[in-house]
Amino acid sequence: MNNKTFKDFVNEDLNVFFNLDEFGEEHELDGEVLTLIVVDCKNDDNFAGYPREQLYASQEVYKHQKIIYVKAADYFVPKVDSIINLDGEELYVDEAEENMGIIRIVASSHES
């Protein structure tokens, strides 16, 4: 009889997604090398529903955003407006939440 729980199955699935041969990549997050999934949103013209041209015109500063996925077992949920360091780049935490063993962090830097 298999005594695995739903949580065990979810953790096994996480290991597949965060596998370096699949979606995972090694990055340095706050001084620690972790396997993460990082989505760079710099070239996404419609990120958060706003066209890049509107962001340029209204703010005169372009917000470079990244979405970082990390296993909850490897990291913590940072506070909104805190600063994290990803691969030597300081990023401001815009959103952060944990769901089903994965922490999703939306972080940004500003470019003029």
N, C-alpha and C. Protein backbone atom coordinates (compact mmCIF):
# COMPACT_ATOMS: atom_id res chain seq x y z
N MET A 1 0.83 -1.18 0.00
CA MET A 1 0.00 0.00 0.00
C MET A 1 0.88 1.25 0.00
N ASN A 2 0.49 2.24 -0.79
CA ASN A 2 1.23 3.48 -0.91
C ASN A 2 0.76 4.46 0.15
N ASN A 3 1.66 4.90 1.01
CA ASN A 3 1.30 5.82 2.09
C ASN A 3 1.62 7.27 1.75
N LYS A 4 1.78 7.58 0.49
CA LYS A 4 2.09 8.95 0.10
C LYS A 4 0.86 9.83 0.25
N THR A 5 1.14 11.05 0.70
CA THR A 5 0.07 12.04 0.84
C THR A 5 0.05 12.94 -0.40
N PHE A 6 -0.99 13.75 -0.50
CA PHE A 6 -1.08 14.71 -1.60
C PHE A 6 0.13 15.63 -1.58
N LYS A 7 0.54 16.03 -0.39
CA LYS A 7 1.70 16.91 -0.23
C LYS A 7 2.96 16.25 -0.80
N ASP A 8 3.11 14.94 -0.62
CA ASP A 8 4.25 14.22 -1.18
C ASP A 8 4.24 14.28 -2.71
N PHE A 9 3.08 14.11 -3.29
CA PHE A 9 2.97 14.16 -4.75
C PHE A 9 3.27 15.56 -5.28
N VAL A 10 2.80 16.58 -4.58
CA VAL A 10 3.07 17.97 -5.00
C VAL A 10 4.56 18.24 -4.94
N ASN A 11 5.22 17.81 -3.88
CA ASN A 11 6.67 18.01 -3.77
C ASN A 11 7.43 17.30 -4.88
N GLU A 12 6.99 16.12 -5.26
CA GLU A 12 7.63 15.41 -6.37
C GLU A 12 7.46 16.19 -7.67
N ASP A 13 6.28 16.75 -7.89
CA ASP A 13 6.04 17.57 -9.08
C ASP A 13 6.92 18.81 -9.08
N LEU A 14 7.11 19.43 -7.93
CA LEU A 14 7.98 20.60 -7.84
C LEU A 14 9.39 20.26 -8.26
N ASN A 15 9.85 19.08 -7.87
CA ASN A 15 11.20 18.66 -8.25
C ASN A 15 11.34 18.53 -9.75
N VAL A 16 10.27 18.20 -10.44
CA VAL A 16 10.31 18.12 -11.91
C VAL A 16 10.43 19.51 -12.50
N PHE A 17 9.59 20.43 -12.07
CA PHE A 17 9.61 21.79 -12.63
C PHE A 17 10.90 22.52 -12.33
N PHE A 18 11.44 22.35 -11.12
CA PHE A 18 12.65 23.05 -10.73
C PHE A 18 13.92 22.29 -11.11
N ASN A 19 13.79 21.21 -11.83
CA ASN A 19 14.93 20.43 -12.32
C ASN A 19 15.74 21.27 -13.29
N LEU A 20 17.07 21.22 -13.17
CA LEU A 20 17.93 22.00 -14.06
C LEU A 20 17.82 21.57 -15.51
N ASP A 21 17.37 20.34 -15.76
CA ASP A 21 17.18 19.87 -17.13
C ASP A 21 15.81 20.25 -17.68
N GLU A 22 14.97 20.84 -16.87
CA GLU A 22 13.63 21.25 -17.30
C GLU A 22 13.55 22.77 -17.29
N PHE A 23 12.88 23.35 -16.31
CA PHE A 23 12.67 24.80 -16.26
C PHE A 23 13.62 25.52 -15.31
N GLY A 24 14.18 24.81 -14.36
CA GLY A 24 15.01 25.43 -13.33
C GLY A 24 16.35 25.91 -13.84
N GLU A 25 16.83 26.98 -13.23
CA GLU A 25 18.16 27.53 -13.51
C GLU A 25 18.78 27.95 -12.18
N GLU A 26 20.10 27.85 -12.09
CA GLU A 26 20.77 28.29 -10.88
C GLU A 26 20.95 29.80 -10.94
N HIS A 27 20.54 30.45 -9.86
CA HIS A 27 20.69 31.90 -9.70
C HIS A 27 21.12 32.17 -8.27
N GLU A 28 21.74 33.31 -8.07
CA GLU A 28 22.09 33.73 -6.72
C GLU A 28 20.99 34.66 -6.21
N LEU A 29 20.31 34.25 -5.17
CA LEU A 29 19.24 35.03 -4.55
C LEU A 29 19.64 35.35 -3.13
N ASP A 30 19.87 36.63 -2.87
CA ASP A 30 20.30 37.10 -1.55
C ASP A 30 21.51 36.33 -1.03
N GLY A 31 22.48 36.13 -1.91
CA GLY A 31 23.74 35.52 -1.53
C GLY A 31 23.75 34.00 -1.51
N GLU A 32 22.65 33.37 -1.84
CA GLU A 32 22.57 31.91 -1.82
C GLU A 32 22.24 31.40 -3.23
N VAL A 33 22.98 30.42 -3.70
CA VAL A 33 22.71 29.84 -5.01
C VAL A 33 21.55 28.85 -4.88
N LEU A 34 20.47 29.15 -5.61
CA LEU A 34 19.26 28.33 -5.56
C LEU A 34 18.81 28.00 -6.97
N THR A 35 18.01 26.96 -7.09
CA THR A 35 17.37 26.64 -8.36
C THR A 35 16.06 27.39 -8.43
N LEU A 36 15.95 28.29 -9.40
CA LEU A 36 14.80 29.16 -9.55
C LEU A 36 14.26 29.07 -10.97
N ILE A 37 13.07 29.59 -11.15
CA ILE A 37 12.53 29.85 -12.48
C ILE A 37 12.32 31.35 -12.52
N VAL A 38 13.00 32.03 -13.45
CA VAL A 38 12.94 33.49 -13.55
C VAL A 38 12.38 33.86 -14.91
N VAL A 39 11.35 34.69 -14.89
CA VAL A 39 10.73 35.18 -16.13
C VAL A 39 11.04 36.66 -16.22
N ASP A 40 11.76 37.05 -17.26
CA ASP A 40 12.12 38.44 -17.47
C ASP A 40 11.01 39.11 -18.26
N CYS A 41 10.39 40.12 -17.69
CA CYS A 41 9.26 40.80 -18.32
C CYS A 41 9.65 42.10 -19.00
N LYS A 42 10.93 42.34 -19.19
CA LYS A 42 11.39 43.59 -19.77
C LYS A 42 10.85 43.80 -21.18
N ASN A 43 10.73 42.75 -21.95
CA ASN A 43 10.30 42.88 -23.34
C ASN A 43 8.83 42.60 -23.56
N ASP A 44 8.08 42.46 -22.50
CA ASP A 44 6.65 42.17 -22.64
C ASP A 44 5.88 43.48 -22.79
N ASP A 45 5.38 43.75 -23.98
CA ASP A 45 4.72 45.03 -24.28
C ASP A 45 3.46 45.27 -23.50
N ASN A 46 2.83 44.25 -22.98
CA ASN A 46 1.56 44.43 -22.29
C ASN A 46 1.59 43.92 -20.86
N PHE A 47 2.73 43.98 -20.20
CA PHE A 47 2.82 43.51 -18.84
C PHE A 47 1.88 44.31 -17.95
N ALA A 48 1.13 43.62 -17.14
CA ALA A 48 0.17 44.22 -16.20
C ALA A 48 -0.90 45.03 -16.91
N GLY A 49 -1.13 44.77 -18.18
CA GLY A 49 -2.21 45.43 -18.90
C GLY A 49 -1.89 46.81 -19.44
N TYR A 50 -0.65 47.26 -19.28
CA TYR A 50 -0.28 48.59 -19.76
C TYR A 50 0.71 48.46 -20.91
N PRO A 51 0.43 49.09 -22.06
CA PRO A 51 1.41 49.06 -23.15
C PRO A 51 2.67 49.83 -22.75
N ARG A 52 3.81 49.41 -23.24
CA ARG A 52 5.08 50.03 -22.90
C ARG A 52 5.06 51.53 -23.20
N GLU A 53 4.44 51.93 -24.31
CA GLU A 53 4.40 53.34 -24.69
C GLU A 53 3.69 54.18 -23.62
N GLN A 54 2.64 53.62 -23.04
CA GLN A 54 1.92 54.34 -21.99
C GLN A 54 2.79 54.47 -20.74
N LEU A 55 3.52 53.42 -20.43
CA LEU A 55 4.41 53.49 -19.27
C LEU A 55 5.48 54.56 -19.49
N TYR A 56 6.06 54.59 -20.70
CA TYR A 56 7.07 55.61 -21.02
C TYR A 56 6.49 57.01 -20.86
N ALA A 57 5.32 57.25 -21.46
CA ALA A 57 4.73 58.58 -21.46
C ALA A 57 4.31 59.03 -20.08
N SER A 58 3.75 58.13 -19.29
CA SER A 58 3.20 58.53 -18.00
C SER A 58 4.23 58.60 -16.89
N GLN A 59 5.29 57.83 -17.00
CA GLN A 59 6.23 57.77 -15.89
C GLN A 59 7.62 58.29 -16.23
N GLU A 60 7.95 58.35 -17.48
CA GLU A 60 9.29 58.71 -17.95
C GLU A 60 10.35 57.78 -17.36
N VAL A 61 9.92 56.72 -16.76
CA VAL A 61 10.81 55.70 -16.23
C VAL A 61 10.22 54.35 -16.62
N TYR A 62 11.05 53.48 -17.12
CA TYR A 62 10.57 52.16 -17.52
C TYR A 62 10.82 51.20 -16.38
N LYS A 63 9.80 50.47 -16.02
CA LYS A 63 9.89 49.50 -14.93
C LYS A 63 10.24 48.14 -15.52
N HIS A 64 11.39 47.65 -15.16
CA HIS A 64 11.87 46.34 -15.61
C HIS A 64 11.45 45.33 -14.54
N GLN A 65 10.57 44.41 -14.91
CA GLN A 65 10.05 43.47 -13.92
C GLN A 65 10.49 42.04 -14.21
N LYS A 66 10.63 41.30 -13.14
CA LYS A 66 10.94 39.87 -13.21
C LYS A 66 9.98 39.14 -12.30
N ILE A 67 9.59 37.97 -12.73
CA ILE A 67 8.80 37.08 -11.87
C ILE A 67 9.73 35.94 -11.49
N ILE A 68 9.86 35.72 -10.20
CA ILE A 68 10.77 34.71 -9.68
C ILE A 68 9.95 33.64 -8.98
N TYR A 69 10.18 32.40 -9.36
CA TYR A 69 9.52 31.27 -8.71
C TYR A 69 10.60 30.48 -7.97
N VAL A 70 10.35 30.20 -6.70
CA VAL A 70 11.30 29.47 -5.87
C VAL A 70 10.51 28.52 -4.97
N LYS A 71 11.08 27.37 -4.68
CA LYS A 71 10.42 26.44 -3.78
C LYS A 71 10.35 27.03 -2.37
N ALA A 72 9.19 26.91 -1.74
CA ALA A 72 9.00 27.44 -0.40
C ALA A 72 9.97 26.80 0.60
N ALA A 73 10.37 25.58 0.34
CA ALA A 73 11.33 24.90 1.22
C ALA A 73 12.72 25.54 1.15
N ASP A 74 12.99 26.30 0.08
CA ASP A 74 14.32 26.88 -0.13
C ASP A 74 14.42 28.35 0.26
N TYR A 75 13.31 29.03 0.42
CA TYR A 75 13.33 30.48 0.61
C TYR A 75 12.14 30.89 1.48
N PHE A 76 11.93 32.16 1.64
CA PHE A 76 10.83 32.69 2.45
C PHE A 76 10.05 33.69 1.59
N VAL A 77 8.87 34.04 2.02
CA VAL A 77 8.07 35.04 1.31
C VAL A 77 8.55 36.42 1.76
N PRO A 78 9.20 37.16 0.86
CA PRO A 78 9.69 38.49 1.26
C PRO A 78 8.54 39.49 1.40
N LYS A 79 8.76 40.52 2.18
CA LYS A 79 7.75 41.56 2.36
C LYS A 79 7.70 42.46 1.14
N VAL A 80 6.49 42.90 0.79
CA VAL A 80 6.33 43.86 -0.29
C VAL A 80 7.09 45.13 0.08
N ASP A 81 7.75 45.73 -0.90
CA ASP A 81 8.58 46.94 -0.77
C ASP A 81 9.96 46.66 -0.18
N SER A 82 10.27 45.40 0.11
CA SER A 82 11.62 45.08 0.55
C SER A 82 12.52 44.96 -0.69
N ILE A 83 13.81 44.87 -0.47
CA ILE A 83 14.77 44.73 -1.56
C ILE A 83 15.37 43.34 -1.50
N ILE A 84 15.40 42.67 -2.66
CA ILE A 84 16.09 41.39 -2.78
C ILE A 84 17.21 41.57 -3.80
N ASN A 85 18.17 40.68 -3.76
CA ASN A 85 19.29 40.75 -4.69
C ASN A 85 19.29 39.48 -5.52
N LEU A 86 19.08 39.63 -6.83
CA LEU A 86 19.08 38.51 -7.76
C LEU A 86 20.26 38.66 -8.71
N ASP A 87 21.20 37.76 -8.61
CA ASP A 87 22.39 37.76 -9.48
C ASP A 87 23.09 39.11 -9.49
N GLY A 88 23.19 39.75 -8.32
CA GLY A 88 23.89 41.02 -8.20
C GLY A 88 23.06 42.25 -8.52
N GLU A 89 21.80 42.07 -8.87
CA GLU A 89 20.91 43.19 -9.19
C GLU A 89 19.91 43.38 -8.06
N GLU A 90 19.83 44.61 -7.54
CA GLU A 90 18.86 44.90 -6.50
C GLU A 90 17.49 45.11 -7.12
N LEU A 91 16.49 44.41 -6.58
CA LEU A 91 15.13 44.48 -7.08
C LEU A 91 14.19 44.79 -5.93
N TYR A 92 13.15 45.57 -6.21
CA TYR A 92 12.13 45.89 -5.23
C TYR A 92 10.99 44.89 -5.36
N VAL A 93 10.55 44.36 -4.24
CA VAL A 93 9.47 43.37 -4.24
C VAL A 93 8.14 44.10 -4.39
N ASP A 94 7.46 43.83 -5.51
CA ASP A 94 6.13 44.41 -5.77
C ASP A 94 5.02 43.51 -5.24
N GLU A 95 5.21 42.21 -5.38
CA GLU A 95 4.24 41.21 -4.91
C GLU A 95 5.01 39.98 -4.46
N ALA A 96 4.46 39.26 -3.50
CA ALA A 96 5.06 37.99 -3.07
C ALA A 96 3.99 37.16 -2.39
N GLU A 97 3.94 35.89 -2.77
CA GLU A 97 2.97 34.98 -2.16
C GLU A 97 3.45 33.55 -2.30
N GLU A 98 2.96 32.69 -1.41
CA GLU A 98 3.27 31.26 -1.46
C GLU A 98 1.98 30.51 -1.75
N ASN A 99 2.09 29.55 -2.65
CA ASN A 99 0.94 28.73 -3.01
C ASN A 99 1.44 27.35 -3.41
N MET A 100 0.93 26.33 -2.77
CA MET A 100 1.24 24.94 -3.11
C MET A 100 2.75 24.66 -3.15
N GLY A 101 3.49 25.24 -2.22
CA GLY A 101 4.92 24.97 -2.11
C GLY A 101 5.80 25.81 -3.01
N ILE A 102 5.22 26.77 -3.72
CA ILE A 102 5.99 27.66 -4.60
C ILE A 102 5.79 29.10 -4.16
N ILE A 103 6.88 29.82 -4.05
CA ILE A 103 6.81 31.25 -3.78
C ILE A 103 6.95 31.97 -5.11
N ARG A 104 6.01 32.88 -5.37
CA ARG A 104 6.02 33.71 -6.59
C ARG A 104 6.32 35.13 -6.15
N ILE A 105 7.42 35.67 -6.69
CA ILE A 105 7.85 37.02 -6.35
C ILE A 105 7.85 37.85 -7.63
N VAL A 106 7.12 38.96 -7.63
CA VAL A 106 7.19 39.92 -8.72
C VAL A 106 8.06 41.05 -8.20
N ALA A 107 9.19 41.27 -8.87
CA ALA A 107 10.15 42.26 -8.42
C ALA A 107 10.53 43.17 -9.58
N SER A 108 10.94 44.40 -9.27
CA SER A 108 11.23 45.35 -10.32
C SER A 108 12.44 46.21 -10.01
N SER A 109 13.01 46.72 -11.08
CA SER A 109 14.01 47.78 -11.00
C SER A 109 13.53 48.85 -11.95
N HIS A 110 14.06 50.04 -11.79
CA HIS A 110 13.62 51.16 -12.62
C HIS A 110 14.77 51.60 -13.51
N GLU A 111 14.44 51.86 -14.76
CA GLU A 111 15.42 52.35 -15.71
C GLU A 111 14.89 53.66 -16.27
N SER A 112 15.77 54.63 -16.44
CA SER A 112 15.31 55.89 -17.02
C SER A 112 15.72 56.00 -18.47
